[in-house]
Amino acid sequence: MKDEDQSGLRCPKCGSTDIAEIVYNPAAMDEPLLRRVQVKRAVIRTGAQPNPAPRYYCNYCGYEW
């Protein structure tokens, strides 16, 4: 899994730059993914993936887009 840089992204709802990538149903929780979750740069979603699936999550207000 590549470590994407979310710098420059802003939440369309609140304007926060504290953004995480949404990772759907990861095959395994490897070290890089675990580190990204711990520093709030990724959030894990399991189960059915919505269509269209949001790609980003705002750590400030909880908005997903």
PDB file of N, CA and C in Angstrom:
ATOM      1  N   MET A   1       0.837  -1.172   0.000  1.00  0.00           N
ATOM      2  CA  MET A   1       0.000   0.000   0.000  1.00  0.00           C
ATOM      3  C   MET A   1       0.879   1.232   0.000  1.00  0.00           C
ATOM      4  N   LYS A   2       0.603   2.138  -0.905  1.00  0.00           N
ATOM      5  CA  LYS A   2       1.430   3.330  -0.954  1.00  0.00           C
ATOM      6  C   LYS A   2       1.002   4.320   0.114  1.00  0.00           C
ATOM      7  N   ASP A   3       1.953   5.107   0.577  1.00  0.00           N
ATOM      8  CA  ASP A   3       1.699   6.097   1.609  1.00  0.00           C
ATOM      9  C   ASP A   3       1.434   7.427   0.929  1.00  0.00           C
ATOM     10  N   GLU A   4       0.169   7.726   0.721  1.00  0.00           N
ATOM     11  CA  GLU A   4      -0.180   8.949   0.020  1.00  0.00           C
ATOM     12  C   GLU A   4      -0.055  10.148   0.939  1.00  0.00           C
ATOM     13  N   ASP A   5       0.318  11.259   0.363  1.00  0.00           N
ATOM     14  CA  ASP A   5       0.429  12.508   1.095  1.00  0.00           C
ATOM     15  C   ASP A   5      -0.880  13.266   0.923  1.00  0.00           C
ATOM     16  N   GLN A   6      -1.563  13.532   2.020  1.00  0.00           N
ATOM     17  CA  GLN A   6      -2.819  14.253   1.945  1.00  0.00           C
ATOM     18  C   GLN A   6      -2.630  15.760   2.099  1.00  0.00           C
ATOM     19  N   SER A   7      -1.380  16.248   2.080  1.00  0.00           N
ATOM     20  CA  SER A   7      -1.151  17.676   2.230  1.00  0.00           C
ATOM     21  C   SER A   7      -1.829  18.414   1.085  1.00  0.00           C
ATOM     22  N   GLY A   8      -2.397  19.532   1.412  1.00  0.00           N
ATOM     23  CA  GLY A   8      -3.101  20.306   0.409  1.00  0.00           C
ATOM     24  C   GLY A   8      -4.584  19.996   0.350  1.00  0.00           C
ATOM     25  N   LEU A   9      -5.008  18.882   0.924  1.00  0.00           N
ATOM     26  CA  LEU A   9      -6.435  18.561   0.950  1.00  0.00           C
ATOM     27  C   LEU A   9      -7.123  19.331   2.069  1.00  0.00           C
ATOM     28  N   ARG A  10      -8.338  19.751   1.804  1.00  0.00           N
ATOM     29  CA  ARG A  10      -9.166  20.405   2.815  1.00  0.00           C
ATOM     30  C   ARG A  10     -10.536  19.743   2.818  1.00  0.00           C
ATOM     31  N   CYS A  11     -11.085  19.601   4.003  1.00  0.00           N
ATOM     32  CA  CYS A  11     -12.431  19.057   4.125  1.00  0.00           C
ATOM     33  C   CYS A  11     -13.409  20.028   3.464  1.00  0.00           C
ATOM     34  N   PRO A  12     -14.255  19.532   2.558  1.00  0.00           N
ATOM     35  CA  PRO A  12     -15.215  20.419   1.910  1.00  0.00           C
ATOM     36  C   PRO A  12     -16.315  20.905   2.857  1.00  0.00           C
ATOM     37  N   LYS A  13     -16.451  20.268   4.017  1.00  0.00           N
ATOM     38  CA  LYS A  13     -17.492  20.664   4.968  1.00  0.00           C
ATOM     39  C   LYS A  13     -16.987  21.701   5.968  1.00  0.00           C
ATOM     40  N   CYS A  14     -15.806  21.450   6.588  1.00  0.00           N
ATOM     41  CA  CYS A  14     -15.336  22.347   7.657  1.00  0.00           C
ATOM     42  C   CYS A  14     -14.041  23.083   7.325  1.00  0.00           C
ATOM     43  N   GLY A  15     -13.341  22.672   6.260  1.00  0.00           N
ATOM     44  CA  GLY A  15     -12.105  23.335   5.867  1.00  0.00           C
ATOM     45  C   GLY A  15     -10.854  22.819   6.553  1.00  0.00           C
ATOM     46  N   SER A  16     -10.976  21.832   7.429  1.00  0.00           N
ATOM     47  CA  SER A  16      -9.814  21.284   8.134  1.00  0.00           C
ATOM     48  C   SER A  16      -8.857  20.609   7.155  1.00  0.00           C
ATOM     49  N   THR A  17      -7.574  20.646   7.493  1.00  0.00           N
ATOM     50  CA  THR A  17      -6.567  19.933   6.704  1.00  0.00           C
ATOM     51  C   THR A  17      -6.147  18.633   7.388  1.00  0.00           C
ATOM     52  N   ASP A  18      -6.819  18.269   8.483  1.00  0.00           N
ATOM     53  CA  ASP A  18      -6.522  17.032   9.214  1.00  0.00           C
ATOM     54  C   ASP A  18      -7.302  15.892   8.559  1.00  0.00           C
ATOM     55  N   ILE A  19      -6.743  15.365   7.478  1.00  0.00           N
ATOM     56  CA  ILE A  19      -7.436  14.426   6.599  1.00  0.00           C
ATOM     57  C   ILE A  19      -6.753  13.062   6.614  1.00  0.00           C
ATOM     58  N   ALA A  20      -7.570  12.004   6.573  1.00  0.00           N
ATOM     59  CA  ALA A  20      -7.061  10.632   6.489  1.00  0.00           C
ATOM     60  C   ALA A  20      -7.632   9.966   5.242  1.00  0.00           C
ATOM     61  N   GLU A  21      -6.884   9.021   4.706  1.00  0.00           N
ATOM     62  CA  GLU A  21      -7.370   8.211   3.594  1.00  0.00           C
ATOM     63  C   GLU A  21      -8.216   7.076   4.159  1.00  0.00           C
ATOM     64  N   ILE A  22      -9.325   6.755   3.508  1.00  0.00           N
ATOM     65  CA  ILE A  22     -10.153   5.628   3.911  1.00  0.00           C
ATOM     66  C   ILE A  22      -9.655   4.384   3.185  1.00  0.00           C
ATOM     67  N   VAL A  23      -9.349   3.336   3.958  1.00  0.00           N
ATOM     68  CA  VAL A  23      -8.875   2.070   3.398  1.00  0.00           C
ATOM     69  C   VAL A  23      -9.967   1.033   3.640  1.00  0.00           C
ATOM     70  N   TYR A  24     -10.491   0.469   2.562  1.00  0.00           N
ATOM     71  CA  TYR A  24     -11.577  -0.506   2.653  1.00  0.00           C
ATOM     72  C   TYR A  24     -11.041  -1.930   2.653  1.00  0.00           C
ATOM     73  N   ASN A  25     -11.478  -2.709   3.634  1.00  0.00           N
ATOM     74  CA  ASN A  25     -11.203  -4.146   3.707  1.00  0.00           C
ATOM     75  C   ASN A  25      -9.755  -4.508   3.384  1.00  0.00           C
ATOM     76  N   PRO A  26      -8.806  -3.992   4.147  1.00  0.00           N
ATOM     77  CA  PRO A  26      -7.410  -4.334   3.849  1.00  0.00           C
ATOM     78  C   PRO A  26      -7.172  -5.830   4.040  1.00  0.00           C
ATOM     79  N   ALA A  27      -6.320  -6.390   3.199  1.00  0.00           N
ATOM     80  CA  ALA A  27      -6.004  -7.817   3.278  1.00  0.00           C
ATOM     81  C   ALA A  27      -5.303  -8.151   4.588  1.00  0.00           C
ATOM     82  N   ALA A  28      -4.468  -7.232   5.058  1.00  0.00           N
ATOM     83  CA  ALA A  28      -3.728  -7.443   6.307  1.00  0.00           C
ATOM     84  C   ALA A  28      -3.377  -6.092   6.907  1.00  0.00           C
ATOM     85  N   MET A  29      -3.218  -6.075   8.225  1.00  0.00           N
ATOM     86  CA  MET A  29      -2.789  -4.858   8.908  1.00  0.00           C
ATOM     87  C   MET A  29      -1.269  -4.920   9.015  1.00  0.00           C
ATOM     88  N   ASP A  30      -0.584  -4.468   7.965  1.00  0.00           N
ATOM     89  CA  ASP A  30       0.875  -4.490   7.981  1.00  0.00           C
ATOM     90  C   ASP A  30       1.408  -3.268   8.738  1.00  0.00           C
ATOM     91  N   GLU A  31       2.711  -3.242   8.976  1.00  0.00           N
ATOM     92  CA  GLU A  31       3.325  -2.153   9.756  1.00  0.00           C
ATOM     93  C   GLU A  31       3.071  -0.769   9.168  1.00  0.00           C
ATOM     94  N   PRO A  32       3.259  -0.578   7.852  1.00  0.00           N
ATOM     95  CA  PRO A  32       3.012   0.763   7.310  1.00  0.00           C
ATOM     96  C   PRO A  32       1.565   1.222   7.512  1.00  0.00           C
ATOM     97  N   LEU A  33       0.604   0.325   7.305  1.00  0.00           N
ATOM     98  CA  LEU A  33      -0.798   0.690   7.500  1.00  0.00           C
ATOM     99  C   LEU A  33      -1.074   0.959   8.969  1.00  0.00           C
ATOM    100  N   LEU A  34      -0.558   0.141   9.859  1.00  0.00           N
ATOM    101  CA  LEU A  34      -0.741   0.354  11.291  1.00  0.00           C
ATOM    102  C   LEU A  34      -0.210   1.723  11.708  1.00  0.00           C
ATOM    103  N   ARG A  35       0.964   2.095  11.214  1.00  0.00           N
ATOM    104  CA  ARG A  35       1.530   3.416  11.544  1.00  0.00           C
ATOM    105  C   ARG A  35       0.638   4.537  11.041  1.00  0.00           C
ATOM    106  N   ARG A  36       0.114   4.396   9.827  1.00  0.00           N
ATOM    107  CA  ARG A  36      -0.770   5.430   9.271  1.00  0.00           C
ATOM    108  C   ARG A  36      -2.052   5.564  10.085  1.00  0.00           C
ATOM    109  N   VAL A  37      -2.594   4.440  10.558  1.00  0.00           N
ATOM    110  CA  VAL A  37      -3.792   4.484  11.403  1.00  0.00           C
ATOM    111  C   VAL A  37      -3.466   5.162  12.732  1.00  0.00           C
ATOM    112  N   GLN A  38      -2.329   4.817  13.324  1.00  0.00           N
ATOM    113  CA  GLN A  38      -1.946   5.381  14.617  1.00  0.00           C
ATOM    114  C   GLN A  38      -1.762   6.895  14.566  1.00  0.00           C
ATOM    115  N   VAL A  39      -1.279   7.422  13.461  1.00  0.00           N
ATOM    116  CA  VAL A  39      -1.072   8.871  13.343  1.00  0.00           C
ATOM    117  C   VAL A  39      -2.237   9.556  12.614  1.00  0.00           C
ATOM    118  N   LYS A  40      -3.343   8.842  12.479  1.00  0.00           N
ATOM    119  CA  LYS A  40      -4.580   9.368  11.897  1.00  0.00           C
ATOM    120  C   LYS A  40      -4.419   9.834  10.456  1.00  0.00           C
ATOM    121  N   ARG A  41      -3.658   9.089   9.681  1.00  0.00           N
ATOM    122  CA  ARG A  41      -3.530   9.355   8.251  1.00  0.00           C
ATOM    123  C   ARG A  41      -4.279   8.314   7.435  1.00  0.00           C
ATOM    124  N   ALA A  42      -4.858   7.323   8.126  1.00  0.00           N
ATOM    125  CA  ALA A  42      -5.692   6.319   7.464  1.00  0.00           C
ATOM    126  C   ALA A  42      -6.744   5.845   8.458  1.00  0.00           C
ATOM    127  N   VAL A  43      -7.923   5.531   7.943  1.00  0.00           N
ATOM    128  CA  VAL A  43      -8.979   4.901   8.731  1.00  0.00           C
ATOM    129  C   VAL A  43      -9.401   3.639   7.991  1.00  0.00           C
ATOM    130  N   ILE A  44      -9.765   2.619   8.743  1.00  0.00           N
ATOM    131  CA  ILE A  44     -10.134   1.321   8.180  1.00  0.00           C
ATOM    132  C   ILE A  44     -11.655   1.198   8.151  1.00  0.00           C
ATOM    133  N   ARG A  45     -12.180   0.729   7.039  1.00  0.00           N
ATOM    134  CA  ARG A  45     -13.600   0.412   6.911  1.00  0.00           C
ATOM    135  C   ARG A  45     -13.694  -1.037   6.455  1.00  0.00           C
ATOM    136  N   THR A  46     -14.554  -1.805   7.128  1.00  0.00           N
ATOM    137  CA  THR A  46     -14.764  -3.199   6.750  1.00  0.00           C
ATOM    138  C   THR A  46     -16.214  -3.396   6.336  1.00  0.00           C
ATOM    139  N   GLY A  47     -16.460  -4.479   5.642  1.00  0.00           N
ATOM    140  CA  GLY A  47     -17.811  -4.773   5.195  1.00  0.00           C
ATOM    141  C   GLY A  47     -18.037  -4.268   3.780  1.00  0.00           C
ATOM    142  N   ALA A  48     -19.301  -4.139   3.426  1.00  0.00           N
ATOM    143  CA  ALA A  48     -19.655  -3.721   2.073  1.00  0.00           C
ATOM    144  C   ALA A  48     -19.149  -2.309   1.804  1.00  0.00           C
ATOM    145  N   GLN A  49     -18.556  -2.127   0.656  1.00  0.00           N
ATOM    146  CA  GLN A  49     -18.032  -0.825   0.258  1.00  0.00           C
ATOM    147  C   GLN A  49     -19.133  -0.059  -0.463  1.00  0.00           C
ATOM    148  N   PRO A  50     -19.449   1.152  -0.007  1.00  0.00           N
ATOM    149  CA  PRO A  50     -20.497   1.922  -0.679  1.00  0.00           C
ATOM    150  C   PRO A  50     -20.076   2.298  -2.103  1.00  0.00           C
ATOM    151  N   ASN A  51     -21.065   2.599  -2.921  1.00  0.00           N
ATOM    152  CA  ASN A  51     -20.777   2.999  -4.295  1.00  0.00           C
ATOM    153  C   ASN A  51     -21.511   4.304  -4.588  1.00  0.00           C
ATOM    154  N   PRO A  52     -20.829   5.380  -4.811  1.00  0.00           N
ATOM    155  CA  PRO A  52     -19.372   5.517  -4.852  1.00  0.00           C
ATOM    156  C   PRO A  52     -18.797   5.550  -3.439  1.00  0.00           C
ATOM    157  N   ALA A  53     -17.617   5.016  -3.300  1.00  0.00           N
ATOM    158  CA  ALA A  53     -16.959   4.929  -1.995  1.00  0.00           C
ATOM    159  C   ALA A  53     -16.189   6.214  -1.702  1.00  0.00           C
ATOM    160  N   PRO A  54     -16.422   6.816  -0.532  1.00  0.00           N
ATOM    161  CA  PRO A  54     -15.621   7.985  -0.159  1.00  0.00           C
ATOM    162  C   PRO A  54     -14.148   7.604  -0.054  1.00  0.00           C
ATOM    163  N   ARG A  55     -13.268   8.516  -0.398  1.00  0.00           N
ATOM    164  CA  ARG A  55     -11.836   8.236  -0.369  1.00  0.00           C
ATOM    165  C   ARG A  55     -11.149   8.861   0.841  1.00  0.00           C
ATOM    166  N   TYR A  56     -11.730   9.955   1.358  1.00  0.00           N
ATOM    167  CA  TYR A  56     -11.084  10.682   2.451  1.00  0.00           C
ATOM    168  C   TYR A  56     -12.027  10.858   3.631  1.00  0.00           C
ATOM    169  N   TYR A  57     -11.423  11.011   4.812  1.00  0.00           N
ATOM    170  CA  TYR A  57     -12.140  11.176   6.072  1.00  0.00           C
ATOM    171  C   TYR A  57     -11.551  12.379   6.801  1.00  0.00           C
ATOM    172  N   CYS A  58     -12.401  13.280   7.282  1.00  0.00           N
ATOM    173  CA  CYS A  58     -11.942  14.437   8.048  1.00  0.00           C
ATOM    174  C   CYS A  58     -11.853  14.046   9.520  1.00  0.00           C
ATOM    175  N   ASN A  59     -10.656  14.129  10.086  1.00  0.00           N
ATOM    176  CA  ASN A  59     -10.465  13.795  11.496  1.00  0.00           C
ATOM    177  C   ASN A  59     -11.096  14.829  12.420  1.00  0.00           C
ATOM    178  N   TYR A  60     -11.425  16.002  11.921  1.00  0.00           N
ATOM    179  CA  TYR A  60     -12.003  17.066  12.748  1.00  0.00           C
ATOM    180  C   TYR A  60     -13.526  16.929  12.868  1.00  0.00           C
ATOM    181  N   CYS A  61     -14.214  16.821  11.723  1.00  0.00           N
ATOM    182  CA  CYS A  61     -15.683  16.806  11.778  1.00  0.00           C
ATOM    183  C   CYS A  61     -16.302  15.453  11.414  1.00  0.00           C
ATOM    184  N   GLY A  62     -15.492  14.510  10.897  1.00  0.00           N
ATOM    185  CA  GLY A  62     -16.004  13.185  10.565  1.00  0.00           C
ATOM    186  C   GLY A  62     -16.612  13.058   9.183  1.00  0.00           C
ATOM    187  N   TYR A  63     -16.560  14.120   8.400  1.00  0.00           N
ATOM    188  CA  TYR A  63     -17.118  14.077   7.048  1.00  0.00           C
ATOM    189  C   TYR A  63     -16.289  13.155   6.157  1.00  0.00           C
ATOM    190  N   GLU A  64     -16.959  12.422   5.279  1.00  0.00           N
ATOM    191  CA  GLU A  64     -16.289  11.528   4.326  1.00  0.00           C
ATOM    192  C   GLU A  64     -16.658  11.951   2.916  1.00  0.00           C
ATOM    193  N   TRP A  65     -15.667  11.987   2.051  1.00  0.00           N
ATOM    194  CA  TRP A  65     -15.918  12.318   0.650  1.00  0.00           C
ATOM    195  C   TRP A  65     -14.981  11.587  -0.269  1.00  0.00           C
TER     196      TRP A  65
END
